């Protein structure tokens, strides 16, 4: 009788389903090409609403991007982690916080826009302890991409979200 109770308690604690059946397999696949938007590769921020060359707080550039640990298909969705590196140059000694709005556009093999996903990277400037001035700072972030529109013929285009005023100043 004690063995039956022990078995029932063990069954209740572990459950009836096999964990092996619940694991979702990832099928390795080729990663799509990563491209940087020429017009949206540089970003600048201002403390004022009316952005001008006189009031720029910092300038940022998308420096690099790579898929971490490859790419795969999981539940018919492309799945991968994408690591991004931004280089930010301080131009104003008062702006310590960094906020970088950026996007990833999915382009199909016929160069048609399929989807755009919006993100934001946040951080703080490194500081010179002796002088108190802000230093050029590297900001790294990793995002997870899960999308059924991405395949090995797709292209992912990375760029900053820029309003018309910033576009005019940068180009």
Protein backbone atom coordinates (compact mmCIF):
# COMPACT_ATOMS: atom_id res chain seq x y z
CA UNK A 1 0.00 0.00 0.00
CA UNK A 2 2.83 2.42 0.84
CA UNK A 3 4.37 1.73 -2.57
CA UNK A 4 1.12 2.68 -4.32
CA UNK A 5 0.89 5.96 -2.37
CA UNK A 6 4.53 6.68 -3.08
CA UNK A 7 3.99 5.99 -6.79
CA UNK A 8 0.92 8.29 -6.88
CA UNK A 9 2.80 11.12 -5.14
CA UNK A 10 5.72 10.69 -7.56
CA UNK A 11 3.29 10.71 -10.51
CA UNK A 12 1.60 13.90 -9.27
CA UNK A 13 4.93 15.66 -8.73
CA UNK A 14 6.42 14.75 -12.12
CA UNK A 15 3.23 14.90 -14.20
CA UNK A 16 2.08 12.60 -16.94
CA UNK A 17 3.72 14.29 -19.91
CA UNK A 18 7.21 13.59 -21.04
CA UNK A 19 9.50 16.62 -21.09
CA UNK A 20 11.15 15.22 -24.19
CA UNK A 21 7.84 15.51 -26.08
CA UNK A 22 7.41 19.15 -25.00
CA UNK A 23 10.81 20.32 -26.23
CA UNK A 24 10.62 22.14 -29.52
CA UNK A 25 13.43 21.35 -31.87
CA UNK A 26 15.29 24.04 -33.75
CA UNK A 27 16.26 23.20 -37.33
CA UNK A 28 19.50 24.99 -38.30
CA UNK A 29 19.24 27.20 -41.38
CA UNK A 30 21.33 29.74 -43.25
CA UNK A 31 21.19 33.24 -41.82
CA UNK A 32 19.87 36.02 -44.07
CA UNK A 33 22.15 38.83 -45.25
CA UNK A 34 22.51 41.79 -42.89
CA UNK A 35 22.65 45.23 -44.52
CA UNK A 36 22.94 48.74 -43.09
CA UNK A 37 20.78 51.52 -44.45
CA UNK A 38 23.08 54.12 -45.98
CA UNK A 39 20.76 57.04 -45.14
CA UNK A 40 19.90 55.78 -41.64
CA UNK A 41 23.29 54.53 -40.37
CA UNK A 42 24.02 57.65 -38.27
CA UNK A 43 21.82 59.12 -35.57
CA UNK A 44 22.04 62.35 -33.63
CA UNK A 45 20.19 63.44 -30.54
CA UNK A 46 19.46 66.88 -29.17
CA UNK A 47 18.27 68.09 -25.80
CA UNK A 48 15.95 70.49 -27.62
CA UNK A 49 12.95 69.67 -29.78
CA UNK A 50 14.19 71.78 -32.66
CA UNK A 51 17.28 69.82 -33.71
CA UNK A 52 20.11 71.85 -35.25
CA UNK A 53 23.85 71.49 -35.68
CA UNK A 54 24.30 73.84 -32.70
CA UNK A 55 22.45 71.73 -30.12
CA UNK A 56 23.47 68.11 -30.86
CA UNK A 57 24.03 66.15 -27.64
CA UNK A 58 25.55 63.05 -29.22
CA UNK A 59 26.10 61.26 -32.49
CA UNK A 60 25.74 57.48 -32.88
CA UNK A 61 26.61 55.02 -35.60
CA UNK A 62 25.62 51.41 -36.18
CA UNK A 63 29.05 49.82 -36.25
CA UNK A 64 28.40 46.09 -36.49
CA UNK A 65 25.79 43.37 -36.27
CA UNK A 66 25.99 39.59 -36.20
CA UNK A 67 23.82 36.58 -35.55
CA UNK A 68 24.72 34.96 -32.25
CA UNK A 69 24.94 31.14 -32.38
CA UNK A 70 23.58 30.94 -35.93
CA UNK A 71 20.01 30.84 -37.17
CA UNK A 72 17.24 28.28 -37.01
CA UNK A 73 13.62 27.47 -37.73
CA UNK A 74 11.46 26.89 -34.66
CA UNK A 75 7.71 26.19 -35.07
CA UNK A 76 7.91 27.40 -38.71
CA UNK A 77 9.36 30.73 -37.53
CA UNK A 78 12.84 32.02 -38.23
CA UNK A 79 14.58 32.36 -34.88
CA UNK A 80 17.91 33.91 -33.95
CA UNK A 81 19.59 36.34 -31.61
CA UNK A 82 21.08 39.39 -33.28
CA UNK A 83 23.87 41.30 -31.55
CA UNK A 84 24.30 44.97 -32.44
CA UNK A 85 27.17 47.34 -31.70
CA UNK A 86 26.68 51.11 -31.62
CA UNK A 87 29.46 53.69 -31.26
CA UNK A 88 28.28 56.90 -29.61
CA UNK A 89 30.28 60.13 -29.55
CA UNK A 90 29.31 62.75 -26.95
CA UNK A 91 29.07 66.31 -28.24
CA UNK A 92 27.44 67.89 -25.18
CA UNK A 93 28.84 67.53 -21.67
CA UNK A 94 25.38 67.52 -20.07
CA UNK A 95 23.71 64.56 -21.79
CA UNK A 96 24.62 61.36 -19.88
CA UNK A 97 21.81 59.07 -21.05
CA UNK A 98 21.79 57.37 -24.44
CA UNK A 99 18.61 56.35 -26.23
CA UNK A 100 18.92 54.99 -29.77
CA UNK A 101 15.72 54.23 -31.70
CA UNK A 102 16.41 51.80 -34.53
CA UNK A 103 14.59 49.42 -36.86
CA UNK A 104 15.10 46.15 -38.64
CA UNK A 105 13.36 45.84 -41.99
CA UNK A 106 12.74 42.47 -43.62
CA UNK A 107 13.18 42.53 -47.39
CA UNK A 108 12.22 39.53 -49.54
CA UNK A 109 14.19 38.11 -52.48
CA UNK A 110 12.36 40.50 -54.86
CA UNK A 111 13.41 43.54 -52.74
CA UNK A 112 9.88 44.08 -51.40
CA UNK A 113 9.43 45.29 -47.84
CA UNK A 114 7.81 42.51 -45.80
CA UNK A 115 7.95 43.86 -42.24
CA UNK A 116 9.61 46.45 -40.02
CA UNK A 117 10.31 45.90 -36.34
CA UNK A 118 11.18 48.83 -34.06
CA UNK A 119 13.56 48.74 -31.11
CA UNK A 120 15.39 51.03 -28.71
CA UNK A 121 18.86 50.64 -27.22
CA UNK A 122 19.54 52.44 -23.93
CA UNK A 123 22.68 53.11 -21.96
CA UNK A 124 24.93 55.74 -20.39
CA UNK A 125 28.14 57.36 -21.52
CA UNK A 126 31.41 56.22 -20.03
CA UNK A 127 33.03 58.95 -17.99
CA UNK A 128 36.64 59.98 -17.51
CA UNK A 129 37.02 59.80 -13.72
CA UNK A 130 39.74 62.46 -13.57
CA UNK A 131 38.16 65.12 -15.79
CA UNK A 132 34.46 64.19 -15.52
CA UNK A 133 34.03 64.38 -19.29
CA UNK A 134 32.07 61.82 -21.25
CA UNK A 135 33.98 59.43 -23.49
CA UNK A 136 33.15 57.76 -26.77
CA UNK A 137 31.06 54.77 -25.74
CA UNK A 138 30.30 51.38 -27.23
CA UNK A 139 26.76 50.20 -26.62
CA UNK A 140 26.01 46.53 -27.26
CA UNK A 141 22.56 45.04 -27.35
CA UNK A 142 21.12 41.68 -28.36
CA UNK A 143 17.60 41.17 -29.64
CA UNK A 144 15.69 38.02 -30.48
CA UNK A 145 14.16 37.80 -33.93
CA UNK A 146 11.20 35.44 -34.33
CA UNK A 147 9.44 35.97 -37.62
CA UNK A 148 7.76 33.74 -40.17
CA UNK A 149 8.64 36.13 -43.04
CA UNK A 150 12.42 35.63 -42.77
CA UNK A 151 14.17 32.97 -44.83
CA UNK A 152 17.66 32.49 -46.24
CA UNK A 153 16.80 34.59 -49.33
CA UNK A 154 15.64 37.50 -47.17
CA UNK A 155 17.70 40.55 -46.28
CA UNK A 156 17.58 42.31 -42.96
CA UNK A 157 18.22 46.05 -43.18
CA UNK A 158 19.24 47.90 -40.03
CA UNK A 159 18.93 51.63 -39.53
CA UNK A 160 18.07 54.41 -37.13
CA UNK A 161 14.60 55.92 -36.99
CA UNK A 162 15.12 59.48 -38.18
CA UNK A 163 12.62 62.28 -38.52
CA UNK A 164 12.74 64.68 -41.49
CA UNK A 165 14.82 67.25 -39.64
CA UNK A 166 17.53 64.71 -38.73
CA UNK A 167 17.51 63.29 -42.26
CA UNK A 168 18.13 66.74 -43.72
CA UNK A 169 20.94 67.52 -41.25
CA UNK A 170 22.68 64.17 -41.78
CA UNK A 171 22.40 63.92 -45.56
